[in-house]
Amino acid sequence: MTTPSTRDAGAGARATEHPALTPDGAYLTGHHAVITGGGHGIGAAIATELARLGARLTLLGRDVGALERHAAFLAAEHGSDVATSACDVTDPAAIADAFAAARARAGDPYVLVNNAGQAESARFAETPLELWHRMLAVNLTATFLCTQQVLPAMLAAGAGRVVNVASTAGLKGYSRMAAYCAAKHGVVGLTRALARETAKHGVTVNAVCPGYTDTHMARRAVSDLARARNVSPEEALTMITRVNPRGTLMQPDEIASAVAWLCSPSAAAVTGQAIAVAGGEVT
């Protein structure tokens, strides 16, 4: 674990308090936020946005180098109190250890962003059981396990925000993506069920559902499609982006803005929602 920081490394604000609007708009000042998959793409953009809003951050992921580089950037750019922890979110013991360390350093999280995910494509008839299990483990079961780590304290405190980064694949179907779609539909279902349980306790649970976003995962999808359809990468990108009326890939900071709003005091009445950030693809 590393803690590049220019702030006090004390426990800071606990989940016992909802954030308040501040003159500078940094409504997460002193509040602890944990982000899985926080070193790349959407997760890194979310970390940047929550850092700008004053949050104390714990970034979890498998790519320790990327986590530490982004933590150093956040400390330099925003003066953030940010720590990193290597964590495979398919490993329950690793999750328990990472969250225990995060709580010991920065107190109970007020925000959990379940962002870590993985997408693989295959025709349904050619989908091996191992791929099926892997998609459920990293996209759905990890969300369940990480949320279990923070929810008891949130409920006891009467305050907290859980944001699950799902996908438009949690709202509609895509060919050759049965396992991924099943997992992300599961994330949306889990979000809605948990929101019903927690609504009276000051905790909100929501999902953000990005369309194809300009990340490594999207670039891999372009390559896979180009190979499967025997077309150029440029043609494959056009095929992917034409599914939404805007005709472009989403940008990671567009997803991050939606997450930040769901963590704000203004969104206190918003729970159980699956918000598409997809250029009009899902209406």
Protein backbone atom coordinates (compact mmCIF):
# COMPACT_ATOMS: atom_id res chain seq x y z
CA MET A 1 0.00 0.00 0.00
CA THR A 2 1.25 3.51 -0.74
CA THR A 3 -0.01 6.80 0.59
CA PRO A 4 1.38 9.69 -1.46
CA SER A 5 -0.33 12.58 0.30
CA THR A 6 0.01 16.21 1.25
CA ARG A 7 -2.90 16.03 3.69
CA ASP A 8 -3.26 14.91 7.27
CA ALA A 9 -3.28 11.11 7.32
CA GLY A 10 -5.68 10.90 10.26
CA ALA A 11 -9.02 9.12 10.16
CA GLY A 12 -10.93 12.13 8.85
CA ALA A 13 -14.70 12.26 8.43
CA ARG A 14 -16.52 9.02 9.00
CA ALA A 15 -19.58 7.62 7.27
CA THR A 16 -21.60 8.98 10.20
CA GLU A 17 -22.10 12.25 8.39
CA HIS A 18 -23.60 13.15 5.05
CA PRO A 19 -21.48 15.64 3.11
CA ALA A 20 -22.61 19.23 2.95
CA LEU A 21 -22.41 21.70 0.13
CA THR A 22 -19.36 23.91 0.55
CA PRO A 23 -18.54 27.30 -0.96
CA ASP A 24 -15.97 25.72 -3.26
CA GLY A 25 -18.26 22.80 -4.16
CA ALA A 26 -15.91 20.22 -2.64
CA TYR A 27 -18.73 18.35 -0.94
CA LEU A 28 -16.73 15.17 -0.35
CA THR A 29 -14.01 16.89 1.67
CA GLY A 30 -12.83 14.51 4.38
CA HIS A 31 -15.07 11.66 3.26
CA HIS A 32 -13.49 8.32 2.39
CA ALA A 33 -14.20 6.87 -1.07
CA VAL A 34 -13.08 3.43 -2.25
CA ILE A 35 -12.87 2.80 -6.00
CA THR A 36 -12.20 -0.62 -7.47
CA GLY A 37 -10.33 -0.72 -10.76
CA GLY A 38 -9.11 2.78 -9.96
CA GLY A 39 -5.94 2.85 -12.01
CA HIS A 40 -7.25 2.87 -15.56
CA GLY A 41 -9.99 4.26 -17.77
CA ILE A 42 -13.34 4.98 -16.13
CA GLY A 43 -12.05 4.14 -12.65
CA ALA A 44 -9.16 6.57 -12.93
CA ALA A 45 -11.50 9.29 -14.22
CA ILE A 46 -13.84 8.71 -11.27
CA ALA A 47 -10.90 8.92 -8.87
CA THR A 48 -9.86 12.22 -10.42
CA GLU A 49 -13.35 13.67 -10.11
CA LEU A 50 -13.84 12.55 -6.50
CA ALA A 51 -10.39 13.88 -5.64
CA ARG A 52 -11.40 17.23 -7.08
CA LEU A 53 -14.42 17.12 -4.78
CA GLY A 54 -12.18 16.61 -1.75
CA ALA A 55 -12.56 12.89 -1.08
CA ARG A 56 -9.92 10.83 0.70
CA LEU A 57 -9.33 7.96 -1.69
CA THR A 58 -8.44 4.29 -1.65
CA LEU A 59 -7.80 2.86 -5.11
CA LEU A 60 -7.95 -0.91 -5.54
CA GLY A 61 -6.86 -2.95 -8.54
CA ARG A 62 -4.50 -5.55 -9.93
CA ASP A 63 -2.18 -3.18 -11.84
CA VAL A 64 -0.16 -1.77 -8.96
CA GLY A 65 1.98 0.37 -11.22
CA ALA A 66 -1.04 2.11 -12.75
CA LEU A 67 -2.61 2.61 -9.32
CA GLU A 68 0.52 4.20 -7.92
CA ARG A 69 1.03 6.44 -10.94
CA HIS A 70 -2.53 7.72 -10.70
CA ALA A 71 -2.27 8.17 -6.95
CA ALA A 72 0.87 10.25 -7.42
CA PHE A 73 -0.92 12.37 -10.02
CA LEU A 74 -3.88 12.97 -7.69
CA ALA A 75 -1.60 13.91 -4.80
CA ALA A 76 0.31 16.37 -6.99
CA GLU A 77 -2.69 17.80 -8.84
CA HIS A 78 -5.26 17.97 -6.05
CA GLY A 79 -3.27 17.52 -2.84
CA SER A 80 -5.25 14.34 -2.31
CA ASP A 81 -4.94 11.90 0.53
CA VAL A 82 -4.87 8.75 -1.57
CA ALA A 83 -3.70 5.21 -0.97
CA THR A 84 -3.49 2.21 -3.25
CA SER A 85 -3.88 -1.48 -2.59
CA ALA A 86 -3.31 -4.46 -4.86
CA CYS A 87 -6.56 -6.40 -4.93
CA ASP A 88 -7.99 -9.10 -7.18
CA VAL A 89 -11.73 -8.54 -6.78
CA THR A 90 -12.42 -12.18 -7.61
CA ASP A 91 -10.57 -13.22 -4.43
CA PRO A 92 -12.73 -12.85 -1.27
CA ALA A 93 -9.71 -12.97 1.05
CA ALA A 94 -7.91 -10.27 -0.92
CA ILE A 95 -11.03 -8.10 -0.79
CA ALA A 96 -11.35 -8.52 2.98
CA ASP A 97 -7.69 -7.62 3.50
CA ALA A 98 -7.83 -4.58 1.22
CA PHE A 99 -10.94 -3.14 2.85
CA ALA A 100 -9.60 -3.80 6.35
CA ALA A 101 -6.47 -1.82 5.47
CA ALA A 102 -8.56 0.96 3.93
CA ARG A 103 -10.72 1.28 7.04
CA ALA A 104 -7.70 1.27 9.32
CA ARG A 105 -6.12 4.10 7.35
CA ALA A 106 -9.04 6.36 6.50
CA GLY A 107 -12.10 5.21 8.44
CA ASP A 108 -15.33 3.72 7.19
CA PRO A 109 -16.00 4.55 3.53
CA TYR A 110 -18.81 6.96 2.77
CA VAL A 111 -18.56 6.12 -0.95
CA LEU A 112 -17.97 2.79 -2.67
CA VAL A 113 -17.63 2.74 -6.45
CA ASN A 114 -17.71 -0.82 -7.80
CA ASN A 115 -15.96 -0.13 -11.08
CA ALA A 116 -13.66 -3.12 -11.68
CA GLY A 117 -14.88 -5.18 -14.60
CA GLN A 118 -13.94 -7.25 -17.59
CA ALA A 119 -15.63 -8.02 -20.91
CA GLU A 120 -15.03 -10.99 -23.18
CA SER A 121 -16.99 -12.01 -26.23
CA ALA A 122 -17.92 -15.39 -27.65
CA ARG A 123 -20.84 -16.94 -29.47
CA PHE A 124 -23.18 -18.47 -26.92
CA ALA A 125 -22.68 -22.01 -28.22
CA GLU A 126 -18.92 -21.52 -28.00
CA THR A 127 -18.87 -19.93 -24.53
CA PRO A 128 -16.89 -22.17 -22.19
CA LEU A 129 -18.06 -22.56 -18.61
CA GLU A 130 -14.80 -21.01 -17.41
CA LEU A 131 -15.54 -17.78 -19.31
CA TRP A 132 -19.08 -17.74 -17.91
CA HIS A 133 -17.79 -18.10 -14.35
CA ARG A 134 -15.10 -15.46 -14.91
CA MET A 135 -17.56 -12.87 -16.20
CA LEU A 136 -19.87 -13.43 -13.23
CA ALA A 137 -16.99 -13.39 -10.75
CA VAL A 138 -15.34 -10.15 -11.82
CA ASN A 139 -18.46 -8.19 -12.78
CA LEU A 140 -21.17 -9.40 -10.39
CA THR A 141 -19.82 -11.40 -7.47
CA ALA A 142 -17.09 -8.82 -6.87
CA THR A 143 -19.75 -6.11 -6.60
CA PHE A 144 -21.59 -8.24 -4.04
CA LEU A 145 -18.44 -8.94 -2.01
CA CYS A 146 -17.13 -5.37 -1.99
CA THR A 147 -20.52 -3.96 -1.04
CA GLN A 148 -20.75 -6.38 1.87
CA GLN A 149 -17.50 -4.89 3.15
CA VAL A 150 -18.91 -1.36 3.49
CA LEU A 151 -22.67 -1.66 3.93
CA PRO A 152 -22.89 -2.58 7.64
CA ALA A 153 -21.04 0.60 8.65
CA MET A 154 -23.08 2.71 6.24
CA LEU A 155 -26.34 1.35 7.67
CA ALA A 156 -25.17 1.87 11.23
CA ALA A 157 -24.14 5.43 10.39
CA GLY A 158 -27.27 6.24 8.41
CA ALA A 159 -25.15 7.58 5.55
CA GLY A 160 -23.45 6.25 2.44
CA ARG A 161 -23.30 6.03 -1.32
CA VAL A 162 -22.79 2.86 -3.37
CA VAL A 163 -22.37 3.38 -7.12
CA ASN A 164 -22.04 0.34 -9.36
CA VAL A 165 -20.52 0.85 -12.79
CA ALA A 166 -22.64 -1.49 -14.85
CA SER A 167 -23.07 -1.09 -18.63
CA THR A 168 -25.67 -0.67 -21.31
CA ALA A 169 -25.17 -4.46 -21.43
CA GLY A 170 -27.10 -4.43 -18.15
CA LEU A 171 -30.06 -2.80 -19.89
CA LYS A 172 -30.12 -4.54 -23.29
CA GLY A 173 -28.59 -7.48 -25.09
CA TYR A 174 -25.56 -7.67 -27.35
CA SER A 175 -24.74 -10.58 -29.60
CA ARG A 176 -21.66 -12.64 -28.68
CA MET A 177 -21.78 -11.15 -25.16
CA ALA A 178 -24.13 -13.49 -23.29
CA ALA A 179 -21.95 -13.97 -20.21
CA TYR A 180 -21.09 -10.29 -19.89
CA CYS A 181 -24.72 -9.22 -20.42
CA ALA A 182 -25.90 -11.72 -17.82
CA ALA A 183 -23.39 -10.41 -15.29
CA LYS A 184 -24.21 -6.75 -15.90
CA HIS A 185 -27.97 -7.41 -15.80
CA GLY A 186 -27.21 -9.02 -12.45
CA VAL A 187 -25.46 -5.86 -11.28
CA VAL A 188 -28.52 -3.79 -12.17
CA GLY A 189 -30.79 -6.26 -10.38
CA LEU A 190 -28.57 -6.23 -7.31
CA THR A 191 -28.58 -2.43 -7.36
CA ARG A 192 -32.37 -2.25 -7.42
CA ALA A 193 -32.87 -4.88 -4.73
CA LEU A 194 -30.31 -3.36 -2.37
CA ALA A 195 -31.74 0.12 -2.87
CA ARG A 196 -35.09 -1.15 -1.54
CA GLU A 197 -33.39 -2.50 1.58
CA THR A 198 -31.38 0.63 2.33
CA ALA A 199 -33.66 3.52 1.31
CA LYS A 200 -34.84 4.20 4.87
CA HIS A 201 -31.32 4.17 6.26
CA GLY A 202 -29.69 7.13 4.55
CA VAL A 203 -27.84 4.98 2.02
CA THR A 204 -28.34 5.20 -1.74
CA VAL A 205 -27.42 2.46 -4.22
CA ASN A 206 -27.34 3.28 -7.92
CA ALA A 207 -25.84 2.01 -11.16
CA VAL A 208 -24.24 3.99 -13.94
CA CYS A 209 -24.50 2.21 -17.29
CA PRO A 210 -21.92 3.47 -19.80
CA GLY A 211 -22.13 2.76 -23.47
CA TYR A 212 -18.94 2.01 -25.36
CA THR A 213 -16.37 4.27 -23.71
CA ASP A 214 -12.93 5.34 -24.92
CA THR A 215 -10.93 2.92 -22.77
CA HIS A 216 -8.71 -0.12 -23.20
CA MET A 217 -11.80 -2.31 -22.97
CA ALA A 218 -13.42 -0.53 -25.92
CA ARG A 219 -10.23 -0.75 -27.96
CA ARG A 220 -10.18 -4.49 -27.32
CA ALA A 221 -13.82 -4.70 -28.42
CA VAL A 222 -12.91 -2.90 -31.65
CA SER A 223 -10.07 -5.35 -32.29
CA ASP A 224 -12.26 -8.36 -31.53
CA LEU A 225 -15.01 -7.11 -33.85
CA ALA A 226 -12.56 -6.33 -36.64
CA ARG A 227 -11.18 -9.85 -36.38
CA ALA A 228 -14.61 -11.50 -36.17
CA ARG A 229 -16.05 -9.56 -39.13
CA ASN A 230 -12.83 -9.42 -41.16
CA VAL A 231 -12.97 -5.63 -41.39
CA SER A 232 -10.50 -2.86 -40.62
CA PRO A 233 -10.28 -1.37 -37.11
CA GLU A 234 -11.72 1.87 -38.50
CA GLU A 235 -14.72 0.04 -39.91
CA ALA A 236 -15.17 -1.85 -36.64
CA LEU A 237 -15.11 1.41 -34.67
CA THR A 238 -17.79 2.83 -36.96
CA MET A 239 -19.93 -0.27 -36.40
CA ILE A 240 -19.61 0.13 -32.63
CA THR A 241 -20.25 3.88 -32.43
CA ARG A 242 -23.26 3.86 -34.75
CA VAL A 243 -25.30 2.06 -32.08
CA ASN A 244 -25.83 5.40 -30.34
CA PRO A 245 -27.38 8.50 -31.91
CA ARG A 246 -24.40 10.66 -30.95
CA GLY A 247 -22.19 8.41 -33.03
CA THR A 248 -19.13 8.59 -30.77
CA LEU A 249 -17.50 6.71 -27.94
CA MET A 250 -18.31 8.02 -24.48
CA GLN A 251 -15.47 9.71 -22.61
CA PRO A 252 -14.41 8.46 -19.15
CA ASP A 253 -14.94 11.87 -17.56
CA GLU A 254 -18.58 11.81 -18.73
CA ILE A 255 -19.10 8.66 -16.67
CA ALA A 256 -17.20 10.18 -13.76
CA SER A 257 -19.50 13.22 -13.74
CA ALA A 258 -22.55 11.00 -13.34
CA VAL A 259 -20.90 9.11 -10.48
CA ALA A 260 -19.95 12.35 -8.75
CA TRP A 261 -23.50 13.65 -8.96
CA LEU A 262 -24.85 10.45 -7.42
CA CYS A 263 -22.47 11.02 -4.49
CA SER A 264 -23.63 14.62 -4.01
CA PRO A 265 -26.09 16.00 -1.45
CA SER A 266 -28.36 16.90 -4.37
CA ALA A 267 -28.86 13.22 -5.22
CA ALA A 268 -30.01 12.11 -1.76
CA ALA A 269 -33.43 11.05 -3.10
CA VAL A 270 -32.04 9.12 -6.06
CA THR A 271 -31.66 5.41 -5.36
CA GLY A 272 -32.24 2.15 -7.22
CA GLN A 273 -31.60 3.78 -10.58
CA ALA A 274 -29.66 2.48 -13.57
CA ILE A 275 -28.56 5.62 -15.41
CA ALA A 276 -27.43 5.15 -18.99
CA VAL A 277 -24.56 7.39 -20.08
CA ALA A 278 -24.61 6.27 -23.66
CA GLY A 279 -25.33 9.07 -26.11
CA GLY A 280 -28.97 8.08 -26.50
CA GLU A 281 -28.36 4.37 -27.18
CA VAL A 282 -30.82 3.36 -24.46
CA THR A 283 -34.00 5.43 -24.24
